[in-house]
Amino acid sequence: MANEFFNHRMNITRKHFLGKIGLGIGSVALGSLLVKDLFGNGTEESFPPVGLPHFAPKAKRIIYLFQNGAPSQLESFDYKPQLNVMLGQDLPASIRMGQRLTGMTAGQDKFPMVGSKFAFNQHGQSGTWISELFPNIGKIADDICVIKTMHTEAINHDPALTFMQTGAQQGNRPSMGAWMSYGLGSENKNLPAFCVLLSRGKGNGQGVYSKLWTNGFLDSIHQGVQFSNSDERVLYLNNPEGENKMDRRKMLDELSLLNAMSYEEFGDPEIKTKVEQYEMAYRMQTAVPELTDLSKESDQTIKMYGPECLVPGTYAANCLLARKLSESGVRFVQLYHQGWDQHGNLVGEMPGQAKDTDRPSAALVMDLKQRGLLDETLIIWGGEFGRTNYCQGQLTKENYGRDHHPRCFCIWVAGGGIKPGYYGETDEFGYNIVKDPVHVNDFHATILHQMGFNHEKLVYKHLGRRYRLTDVAGKVINGIIA
């Protein structure tokens, strides 16, 4: 009965609720405050609860600005001047300690160290070092926390990317957004709890694919809804030619009756999920065009994000749309920006990638802050692993490239009860962690904590095993919590 109550749409009356709960009027009042439309009547206007957090959350929503391909920490947020002093010298074996290498550098006899060609400056009250490639992020240094000691076991893109998004290196696990949808549901009955936006820069891109925003073994209602860059922002959402809204409503009503008969016969909960998806799509036909219309955005807002925010499919446009989605109650907005895989020509490619993302990322933080939404919105910026301190291939005076490096990399987070500044330290070579390591499982545990969940208790039983985002590991990083 409890699972039916929390996972499926049902008719519920005040009398039934009081009879079942038996905790008096005080419980009813508290429930109505915590759960919107708790006493829905089962019509399309009702919005029954999916779940509740374990404790009072610091954040209500997440916007994840994923930099697909792994931006170099040594050209962004981890300043290592010693590498410039030791330019071209072979990385000491005592530092590398026989670390596993990718197939791209495993055959190298030498590992010539190379520092950044880009200058770093200190920003904010904490004096956080930030590359000149990210001047706008430097301006919001007092709003972000740079975590310098992220690390992972995965050394290649696919498993590392999948791990960062789902908590497992193999596929068919629910993504972080799906877990949030499962745990909390959406704040807006006309929009999904989990939305996905894609963009691509000019650099070498790694692929993104639907397994990164999959529902896995959770009900399919929790899968991320991908927005396209075409005029039809959510594919197949519009009515077919010649069919109007009344025709669609009648068709959905008839289909619902057939699905109800099928559910009575087979009892498959996925049948009810399909009905919910049909109804959500029907409501989105009105909500999505209104959300994607930028005509009501002020000139000041457009200027803040930059002119590219008016071009659908750009990173800037997706940042602005992420703000609108989050502001409208979407729990988890996932952006993927491709083009960060600089194995060679890093000096030529990375400035363009940084330019694409620097201004819009900072604008998103400032925009949420001026609207009073930053405290309740958690923003994440970063990739799947870091980059080596040595050059891949031949080092020249003009250019260089960096291979994959899972031992340490940087991400930054803002809002949602996170303490600004920086966290953790790496060695002078930028190769190993010397203080306050943060594993991917730890990061996930901390994100869940900020959303009001004990990561060990947000579980789902599948094929006889109890699964969770953090698998069997993870601890909350209290050092970054305000």
Protein backbone atom coordinates (compact mmCIF):
# COMPACT_ATOMS: atom_id res chain seq x y z
CA MET A 1 0.00 0.00 0.00
CA ALA A 2 2.83 2.40 0.85
CA ASN A 3 4.53 1.80 -2.48
CA GLU A 4 1.27 2.34 -4.34
CA PHE A 5 0.71 5.58 -2.42
CA PHE A 6 4.13 7.03 -3.18
CA ASN A 7 4.69 5.74 -6.70
CA HIS A 8 1.37 5.77 -8.52
CA ARG A 9 -1.47 8.20 -9.14
CA MET A 10 -4.51 7.30 -7.02
CA ASN A 11 -7.74 8.70 -5.65
CA ILE A 12 -7.45 9.87 -2.06
CA THR A 13 -9.87 11.76 0.19
CA ARG A 14 -9.37 13.58 3.48
CA LYS A 15 -11.51 10.98 5.23
CA HIS A 16 -9.41 8.14 3.86
CA PHE A 17 -6.18 9.92 4.77
CA LEU A 18 -7.29 10.63 8.35
CA GLY A 19 -8.53 7.10 8.76
CA LYS A 20 -5.29 5.55 7.57
CA ILE A 21 -2.83 7.90 9.25
CA GLY A 22 -4.71 8.52 12.48
CA LEU A 23 -2.41 11.28 13.63
CA GLY A 24 -4.95 14.11 13.79
CA ILE A 25 -5.39 17.45 12.15
CA GLY A 26 -1.79 18.51 12.87
CA SER A 27 -0.41 15.79 10.63
CA VAL A 28 -2.82 16.75 7.87
CA ALA A 29 -1.71 20.38 8.04
CA LEU A 30 1.96 19.43 8.01
CA GLY A 31 1.45 17.05 5.09
CA SER A 32 -0.31 19.68 3.02
CA LEU A 33 2.58 22.07 3.60
CA LEU A 34 5.27 19.54 2.71
CA VAL A 35 3.56 17.89 -0.26
CA LYS A 36 1.84 19.94 -2.89
CA ASP A 37 -1.67 18.68 -3.81
CA LEU A 38 -1.46 15.85 -1.30
CA PHE A 39 -5.25 15.57 -1.42
CA GLY A 40 -5.57 15.43 -5.20
CA ASN A 41 -8.76 13.91 -6.58
CA GLY A 42 -7.12 11.67 -9.15
CA THR A 43 -7.82 13.96 -12.10
CA GLU A 44 -5.11 15.36 -14.37
CA GLU A 45 -4.98 18.38 -12.05
CA SER A 46 -3.87 16.33 -9.08
CA PHE A 47 -0.19 15.77 -8.35
CA PRO A 48 0.44 12.96 -5.86
CA PRO A 49 3.77 12.72 -4.05
CA VAL A 50 6.63 10.59 -5.30
CA GLY A 51 8.66 10.82 -2.11
CA LEU A 52 10.01 13.02 0.63
CA PRO A 53 13.57 13.85 1.73
CA HIS A 54 14.97 12.23 4.85
CA PHE A 55 15.70 15.58 6.49
CA ALA A 56 15.43 19.29 5.75
CA PRO A 57 17.27 19.94 2.46
CA LYS A 58 19.70 22.78 1.79
CA ALA A 59 18.83 22.74 -1.93
CA LYS A 60 15.66 22.09 -3.89
CA ARG A 61 17.06 21.80 -7.41
CA ILE A 62 20.27 20.97 -9.28
CA ILE A 63 21.75 22.33 -12.51
CA TYR A 64 24.69 20.21 -13.66
CA LEU A 65 26.92 21.92 -16.25
CA PHE A 66 28.83 18.86 -17.44
CA GLN A 67 31.97 19.61 -19.46
CA ASN A 68 32.18 16.49 -21.57
CA GLY A 69 35.69 15.38 -22.53
CA ALA A 70 37.47 16.48 -19.34
CA PRO A 71 38.83 20.06 -19.20
CA SER A 72 42.40 20.38 -17.98
CA GLN A 73 42.60 21.39 -14.34
CA LEU A 74 46.08 22.75 -15.00
CA GLU A 75 44.69 25.38 -17.40
CA SER A 76 41.66 26.21 -15.29
CA PHE A 77 41.63 25.94 -11.48
CA ASP A 78 44.77 24.16 -10.21
CA TYR A 79 47.72 26.57 -10.49
CA LYS A 80 51.09 24.78 -10.64
CA PRO A 81 53.91 27.24 -11.43
CA GLN A 82 56.53 24.59 -10.65
CA LEU A 83 55.62 22.85 -13.90
CA ASN A 84 56.79 25.88 -15.85
CA VAL A 85 60.06 25.85 -13.92
CA MET A 86 60.53 22.16 -14.80
CA LEU A 87 59.36 22.49 -18.41
CA GLY A 88 60.45 19.51 -20.51
CA GLN A 89 61.93 17.52 -17.61
CA ASP A 90 60.82 13.92 -17.26
CA LEU A 91 58.18 13.28 -14.60
CA PRO A 92 59.94 11.48 -11.70
CA ALA A 93 59.01 7.84 -11.36
CA SER A 94 58.49 8.45 -7.63
CA ILE A 95 55.60 10.78 -8.50
CA ARG A 96 53.98 8.62 -11.16
CA MET A 97 54.40 5.47 -9.04
CA GLY A 98 53.63 3.13 -11.91
CA GLN A 99 50.17 4.54 -12.50
CA ARG A 100 48.10 2.87 -15.19
CA LEU A 101 48.31 4.76 -18.49
CA THR A 102 46.01 4.97 -21.48
CA GLY A 103 46.98 3.37 -24.76
CA MET A 104 47.79 6.83 -26.09
CA THR A 105 50.80 7.40 -23.81
CA ALA A 106 51.69 3.89 -22.61
CA GLY A 107 54.33 3.65 -25.33
CA GLN A 108 56.11 6.88 -24.42
CA ASP A 109 59.66 6.56 -23.11
CA LYS A 110 59.57 10.01 -21.56
CA PHE A 111 56.90 12.03 -19.81
CA PRO A 112 57.97 15.67 -20.29
CA MET A 113 56.28 17.95 -17.79
CA VAL A 114 54.58 21.06 -19.14
CA GLY A 115 53.05 24.00 -17.29
CA SER A 116 50.19 26.14 -18.47
CA LYS A 117 50.80 28.79 -21.10
CA PHE A 118 47.94 30.76 -19.58
CA ALA A 119 48.33 33.10 -16.61
CA PHE A 120 46.57 32.58 -13.28
CA ASN A 121 45.28 35.20 -10.86
CA GLN A 122 43.82 35.05 -7.38
CA HIS A 123 40.17 35.98 -6.94
CA GLY A 124 37.72 36.53 -4.10
CA GLN A 125 38.18 36.62 -0.36
CA SER A 126 39.65 33.11 -0.39
CA GLY A 127 42.27 34.01 -3.01
CA THR A 128 41.20 31.16 -5.30
CA TRP A 129 43.56 30.76 -8.26
CA ILE A 130 41.67 30.89 -11.57
CA SER A 131 43.08 30.90 -15.10
CA GLU A 132 42.85 33.94 -17.34
CA LEU A 133 40.74 31.75 -19.63
CA PHE A 134 37.85 32.10 -17.15
CA PRO A 135 37.66 35.83 -16.27
CA ASN A 136 33.91 35.80 -15.62
CA ILE A 137 34.11 32.81 -13.31
CA GLY A 138 36.85 34.74 -11.51
CA LYS A 139 34.28 37.48 -10.84
CA ILE A 140 32.02 35.01 -9.01
CA ALA A 141 34.84 33.43 -6.97
CA ASP A 142 33.05 34.34 -3.74
CA ASP A 143 30.00 32.33 -4.84
CA ILE A 144 31.70 29.09 -5.86
CA CYS A 145 33.70 26.33 -4.20
CA VAL A 146 36.50 24.86 -6.32
CA ILE A 147 37.10 21.23 -5.36
CA LYS A 148 40.68 20.48 -6.46
CA THR A 149 40.91 16.87 -5.33
CA MET A 150 38.23 14.96 -7.19
CA HIS A 151 39.43 11.50 -8.22
CA THR A 152 38.14 8.37 -9.91
CA GLU A 153 39.33 4.88 -10.91
CA ALA A 154 38.16 5.21 -14.52
CA ILE A 155 40.85 6.26 -17.00
CA ASN A 156 38.88 6.24 -20.26
CA HIS A 157 36.02 8.49 -21.28
CA ASP A 158 33.07 6.12 -21.46
CA PRO A 159 33.44 4.45 -18.03
CA ALA A 160 34.50 7.72 -16.39
CA LEU A 161 31.61 9.66 -17.87
CA THR A 162 29.14 6.91 -16.99
CA PHE A 163 30.55 6.72 -13.44
CA MET A 164 30.24 10.46 -12.91
CA GLN A 165 26.63 10.43 -14.08
CA THR A 166 25.32 7.17 -12.62
CA GLY A 167 27.69 6.10 -9.84
CA ALA A 168 28.76 2.99 -11.81
CA GLN A 169 31.18 2.44 -14.69
CA GLN A 170 28.87 0.03 -16.48
CA GLY A 171 25.54 0.97 -18.04
CA ASN A 172 21.91 0.39 -17.04
CA ARG A 173 22.12 2.22 -13.74
CA PRO A 174 19.88 5.19 -12.95
CA SER A 175 21.52 8.55 -13.53
CA MET A 176 21.78 11.15 -10.82
CA GLY A 177 18.81 13.05 -12.25
CA ALA A 178 16.70 9.87 -12.29
CA TRP A 179 17.52 9.27 -8.62
CA MET A 180 16.38 12.83 -7.83
CA SER A 181 13.17 12.31 -9.76
CA TYR A 182 12.58 9.02 -7.92
CA GLY A 183 13.32 10.58 -4.55
CA LEU A 184 11.50 13.88 -4.88
CA GLY A 185 9.42 14.09 -8.05
CA SER A 186 8.86 17.40 -9.81
CA GLU A 187 7.68 20.65 -8.27
CA ASN A 188 5.69 21.38 -11.42
CA LYS A 189 3.06 18.92 -12.65
CA ASN A 190 3.37 20.35 -16.19
CA LEU A 191 7.09 19.60 -16.52
CA PRO A 192 9.33 16.55 -16.00
CA ALA A 193 11.49 16.32 -12.90
CA PHE A 194 14.59 15.72 -15.06
CA CYS A 195 15.53 17.57 -18.28
CA VAL A 196 18.59 17.23 -20.53
CA LEU A 197 20.19 19.87 -22.80
CA LEU A 198 23.06 19.27 -25.26
CA SER A 199 25.60 21.62 -26.85
CA ARG A 200 28.89 21.26 -28.65
CA GLY A 201 31.99 23.42 -28.81
CA LYS A 202 34.66 23.62 -31.47
CA GLY A 203 37.13 21.26 -29.80
CA ASN A 204 37.54 17.50 -30.04
CA GLY A 205 34.26 16.05 -28.79
CA GLN A 206 33.42 12.85 -26.97
CA GLY A 207 30.00 11.36 -27.57
CA VAL A 208 27.03 11.65 -25.27
CA TYR A 209 24.28 9.08 -25.30
CA SER A 210 20.97 8.37 -23.65
CA LYS A 211 22.42 5.88 -21.15
CA LEU A 212 23.81 8.94 -19.32
CA TRP A 213 20.31 10.20 -18.49
CA THR A 214 18.60 6.83 -18.30
CA ASN A 215 16.17 5.73 -15.61
CA GLY A 216 17.96 2.35 -15.49
CA PHE A 217 15.86 -0.04 -13.45
CA LEU A 218 13.65 2.74 -12.04
CA ASP A 219 10.24 3.40 -13.59
CA SER A 220 10.64 5.05 -17.00
CA ILE A 221 8.88 8.21 -15.79
CA HIS A 222 12.20 9.08 -14.14
CA GLN A 223 14.23 9.12 -17.39
CA GLY A 224 15.61 12.49 -18.46
CA VAL A 225 13.60 14.32 -21.12
CA GLN A 226 15.95 15.59 -23.83
CA PHE A 227 15.32 19.00 -25.38
CA SER A 228 16.34 19.33 -29.02
CA ASN A 229 17.87 22.30 -30.83
CA SER A 230 15.17 22.32 -33.52
CA ASP A 231 11.94 24.31 -33.63
CA GLU A 232 10.27 21.33 -31.97
CA ARG A 233 12.12 21.56 -28.64
CA VAL A 234 10.87 18.18 -27.38
CA LEU A 235 10.56 15.72 -30.24
CA TYR A 236 7.16 14.15 -30.96
CA LEU A 237 5.47 16.43 -28.44
CA ASN A 238 3.32 18.31 -30.95
CA ASN A 239 0.05 16.94 -32.29
CA PRO A 240 0.18 15.28 -35.73
CA GLU A 241 -1.01 17.37 -38.63
CA GLY A 242 -4.81 17.55 -38.70
CA GLU A 243 -5.24 16.68 -35.02
CA ASN A 244 -6.20 19.31 -32.47
CA LYS A 245 -6.01 19.47 -28.68
CA MET A 246 -9.56 18.13 -28.20
CA ASP A 247 -8.82 15.15 -30.46
CA ARG A 248 -5.65 14.42 -28.49
CA ARG A 249 -7.54 14.65 -25.17
CA LYS A 250 -10.18 12.20 -26.40
CA MET A 251 -7.53 9.79 -27.68
CA LEU A 252 -5.67 9.88 -24.37
CA ASP A 253 -8.87 9.25 -22.42
CA GLU A 254 -9.68 6.19 -24.53
CA LEU A 255 -6.11 4.96 -24.31
CA SER A 256 -6.19 5.37 -20.53
CA LEU A 257 -9.24 3.11 -20.33
CA LEU A 258 -7.48 0.44 -22.38
CA ASN A 259 -4.36 0.70 -20.22
CA ALA A 260 -6.48 0.42 -17.07
CA MET A 261 -7.91 -2.85 -18.39
CA SER A 262 -4.41 -4.06 -19.22
CA TYR A 263 -3.18 -3.16 -15.73
CA GLU A 264 -6.08 -5.05 -14.12
CA GLU A 265 -5.09 -8.12 -16.13
CA PHE A 266 -1.30 -8.04 -15.83
CA GLY A 267 -0.53 -5.75 -12.86
CA ASP A 268 2.56 -4.34 -14.58
CA PRO A 269 3.39 -0.98 -12.89
CA GLU A 270 5.06 0.20 -16.11
CA ILE A 271 1.57 0.44 -17.64
CA LYS A 272 0.66 3.15 -15.15
CA THR A 273 3.99 4.84 -15.84
CA LYS A 274 3.13 5.02 -19.55
CA VAL A 275 -0.19 6.67 -18.74
CA GLU A 276 1.64 9.24 -16.61
CA GLN A 277 4.04 9.92 -19.49
CA TYR A 278 1.19 10.45 -21.94
CA GLU A 279 -0.47 12.89 -19.58
CA MET A 280 2.80 14.71 -18.92
CA ALA A 281 3.40 15.10 -22.67
CA TYR A 282 -0.11 16.52 -23.07
CA ARG A 283 0.52 19.15 -20.42
CA MET A 284 3.98 19.91 -21.79
CA GLN A 285 2.43 20.94 -25.11
CA THR A 286 1.48 24.18 -23.41
CA ALA A 287 4.32 24.51 -20.88
CA VAL A 288 7.34 23.94 -23.18
CA PRO A 289 6.64 26.65 -25.81
CA GLU A 290 6.13 29.18 -23.03
CA LEU A 291 9.40 28.16 -21.36
CA THR A 292 11.48 28.34 -24.52
CA ASP A 293 10.12 31.76 -25.50
CA LEU A 294 12.83 34.33 -24.71
CA SER A 295 10.81 37.36 -25.77
CA LYS A 296 10.02 38.20 -22.15
CA GLU A 297 13.66 38.12 -21.04
CA SER A 298 15.08 41.56 -20.35
CA ASP A 299 17.86 43.15 -22.41
CA GLN A 300 19.96 43.07 -19.26
CA THR A 301 19.54 39.28 -18.97
CA ILE A 302 20.43 38.73 -22.63
CA LYS A 303 23.50 40.91 -22.22
CA MET A 304 24.55 38.98 -19.12
CA TYR A 305 24.49 35.58 -20.86
CA GLY A 306 25.83 36.96 -24.14
CA PRO A 307 24.31 37.18 -27.65
CA GLU A 308 24.69 33.44 -28.26
CA CYS A 309 21.93 32.80 -25.69
CA LEU A 310 19.49 33.70 -28.48
CA VAL A 311 20.80 30.86 -30.66
CA PRO A 312 19.10 27.54 -29.74
CA GLY A 313 21.54 24.73 -28.99
CA THR A 314 24.44 26.88 -27.86
CA TYR A 315 25.85 26.51 -24.37
CA ALA A 316 24.71 30.05 -23.53
CA ALA A 317 21.15 29.32 -24.69
CA ASN A 318 21.09 26.13 -22.66
CA CYS A 319 22.31 27.94 -19.52
CA LEU A 320 19.48 30.45 -19.85
CA LEU A 321 16.97 27.67 -20.52
CA ALA A 322 18.32 25.79 -17.50
CA ARG A 323 17.56 28.80 -15.34
CA LYS A 324 14.01 28.98 -16.72
CA LEU A 325 13.46 25.23 -16.20
CA SER A 326 14.85 25.33 -12.67
CA GLU A 327 12.86 28.44 -11.84
CA SER A 328 9.75 26.61 -13.06
CA GLY A 329 10.30 23.70 -10.69
CA VAL A 330 12.35 21.13 -12.63
CA ARG A 331 14.37 19.23 -10.03
CA PHE A 332 17.39 18.33 -12.13
CA VAL A 333 18.62 20.05 -15.30
CA GLN A 334 21.57 18.35 -16.98
CA LEU A 335 23.70 20.16 -19.57
CA TYR A 336 26.34 18.37 -21.62
CA HIS A 337 28.88 20.53 -23.47
CA GLN A 338 31.18 18.57 -25.78
CA GLY A 339 34.65 19.51 -27.00
CA TRP A 340 37.08 19.32 -24.05
CA ASP A 341 39.21 16.38 -25.18
CA GLN A 342 42.51 18.16 -25.86
CA HIS A 343 45.10 15.42 -26.41
CA GLY A 344 46.87 17.78 -28.77
CA ASN A 345 46.55 21.44 -29.76
CA LEU A 346 45.42 22.35 -26.25
CA VAL A 347 46.74 25.89 -26.65
CA GLY A 348 44.72 26.32 -29.83
CA GLU A 349 41.47 24.68 -28.71
CA MET A 350 40.98 25.33 -25.02
CA PRO A 351 40.55 29.13 -25.23
CA GLY A 352 37.57 28.63 -27.53
CA GLN A 353 36.01 26.08 -25.23
CA ALA A 354 36.56 28.34 -22.23
CA LYS A 355 35.04 31.30 -24.07
CA ASP A 356 31.92 29.25 -24.87
CA THR A 357 31.35 28.36 -21.23
CA ASP A 358 32.90 31.08 -19.05
CA ARG A 359 30.40 33.91 -19.49
CA PRO A 360 27.19 31.84 -19.53
CA SER A 361 28.26 29.76 -16.51
CA ALA A 362 28.99 32.88 -14.47
CA ALA A 363 25.80 34.51 -15.74
CA LEU A 364 23.74 31.55 -14.54
CA VAL A 365 25.13 31.92 -11.02
CA MET A 366 24.58 35.69 -11.01
CA ASP A 367 21.10 35.38 -12.52
CA LEU A 368 19.95 32.89 -9.90
CA LYS A 369 21.51 35.01 -7.17
CA GLN A 370 19.73 38.20 -8.21
CA ARG A 371 16.44 36.29 -8.34
CA GLY A 372 16.94 34.93 -4.83
CA LEU A 373 17.21 31.36 -6.12
CA LEU A 374 20.91 30.56 -5.71
CA ASP A 375 20.61 29.44 -2.07
CA GLU A 376 18.10 26.78 -3.06
CA THR A 377 19.75 25.75 -6.35
CA LEU A 378 22.92 23.68 -6.51
CA ILE A 379 25.09 24.33 -9.58
CA ILE A 380 27.84 21.88 -10.59
CA TRP A 381 30.55 22.53 -13.25
CA GLY A 382 33.11 19.93 -14.30
CA GLY A 383 34.08 16.90 -16.35
CA GLU A 384 34.75 13.18 -15.89
CA PHE A 385 38.47 13.25 -14.95
CA GLY A 386 41.53 15.47 -15.23
CA ARG A 387 44.55 15.89 -17.48
CA THR A 388 48.17 14.81 -17.09
CA ASN A 389 50.92 17.21 -16.07
CA TYR A 390 53.08 15.79 -18.84
CA CYS A 391 52.74 16.25 -22.57
CA GLN A 392 51.14 13.61 -24.73
CA GLY A 393 53.41 13.10 -27.71
CA GLN A 394 56.11 15.59 -28.60
CA LEU A 395 56.37 18.83 -26.64
CA THR A 396 56.94 21.99 -28.66
CA LYS A 397 57.39 25.60 -27.63
CA GLU A 398 54.11 26.58 -29.25
CA ASN A 399 51.75 23.80 -28.26
CA TYR A 400 51.12 20.63 -26.30
CA GLY A 401 48.40 18.16 -25.38
CA ARG A 402 47.48 16.30 -22.19
CA ASP A 403 46.29 12.74 -21.69
CA HIS A 404 43.64 11.47 -19.26
CA HIS A 405 44.41 11.75 -15.55
CA PRO A 406 42.00 10.20 -13.01
CA ARG A 407 44.12 10.81 -9.88
CA CYS A 408 43.07 14.44 -9.41
CA PHE A 409 40.87 16.94 -11.17
CA CYS A 410 38.80 20.04 -10.43
CA ILE A 411 35.13 20.81 -10.41
CA TRP A 412 33.31 23.75 -8.89
CA VAL A 413 29.95 23.96 -7.17
CA ALA A 414 27.83 26.93 -6.15
CA GLY A 415 24.68 27.63 -4.15
CA GLY A 416 22.62 25.00 -2.37
CA GLY A 417 24.32 25.40 1.01
CA ILE A 418 27.88 25.00 -0.31
CA LYS A 419 30.67 27.05 1.31
CA PRO A 420 32.56 29.29 -1.16
CA GLY A 421 36.33 29.11 -1.53
CA TYR A 422 38.36 26.04 -2.43
CA TYR A 423 38.81 22.56 -1.01
CA GLY A 424 41.72 20.13 -1.11
CA GLU A 425 45.33 20.31 -2.27
CA THR A 426 47.42 18.50 -4.86
CA ASP A 427 51.21 18.23 -4.94
CA GLU A 428 53.45 20.78 -6.65
CA PHE A 429 53.40 18.65 -9.78
CA GLY A 430 49.61 18.64 -9.96
CA TYR A 431 49.72 14.84 -10.13
CA ASN A 432 48.75 13.43 -6.72
CA ILE A 433 46.41 14.52 -3.92
CA VAL A 434 48.08 15.56 -0.67
CA LYS A 435 45.08 16.79 1.32
CA ASP A 436 41.30 16.20 1.46
CA PRO A 437 40.59 13.75 -1.38
CA VAL A 438 37.05 13.63 -2.80
CA HIS A 439 36.04 10.44 -4.59
CA VAL A 440 33.14 10.38 -7.05
CA ASN A 441 31.11 8.39 -4.49
CA ASP A 442 31.85 11.04 -1.86
CA PHE A 443 30.72 13.76 -4.23
CA HIS A 444 27.45 11.97 -4.94
CA ALA A 445 26.86 11.41 -1.23
CA THR A 446 27.37 15.13 -0.59
CA ILE A 447 25.02 16.19 -3.40
CA LEU A 448 22.32 13.87 -2.05
CA HIS A 449 22.90 15.25 1.44
CA GLN A 450 22.31 18.80 0.22
CA MET A 451 19.05 17.62 -1.32
CA GLY A 452 17.92 16.16 2.00
CA PHE A 453 18.87 12.50 1.53
CA ASN A 454 20.99 10.05 3.47
CA HIS A 455 22.76 8.42 0.54
CA GLU A 456 22.71 5.04 2.28
CA LYS A 457 18.92 5.12 2.55
CA LEU A 458 17.89 6.32 -0.90
CA VAL A 459 17.70 2.79 -2.31
CA TYR A 460 15.79 0.72 -4.84
CA LYS A 461 15.51 -3.04 -4.78
CA HIS A 462 16.19 -4.66 -8.14
CA LEU A 463 16.79 -8.34 -8.90
CA GLY A 464 17.18 -9.12 -5.22
CA ARG A 465 19.73 -6.40 -4.50
CA ARG A 466 19.30 -2.96 -2.92
CA TYR A 467 20.93 -0.38 -5.19
CA ARG A 468 21.86 3.23 -4.52
CA LEU A 469 23.67 6.04 -6.36
CA THR A 470 26.78 5.62 -4.17
CA ASP A 471 26.74 1.81 -4.45
CA VAL A 472 28.57 0.55 -1.29
CA ALA A 473 30.84 3.55 -0.68
CA GLY A 474 30.76 7.31 -0.24
CA LYS A 475 30.90 9.76 2.64
CA VAL A 476 29.58 13.30 2.95
CA ILE A 477 32.30 15.97 2.54
CA ASN A 478 31.43 18.24 5.42
CA GLY A 479 34.31 20.59 4.63
CA ILE A 480 32.45 22.14 1.69
CA ILE A 481 29.09 22.54 3.46
CA ALA A 482 28.23 25.98 4.81
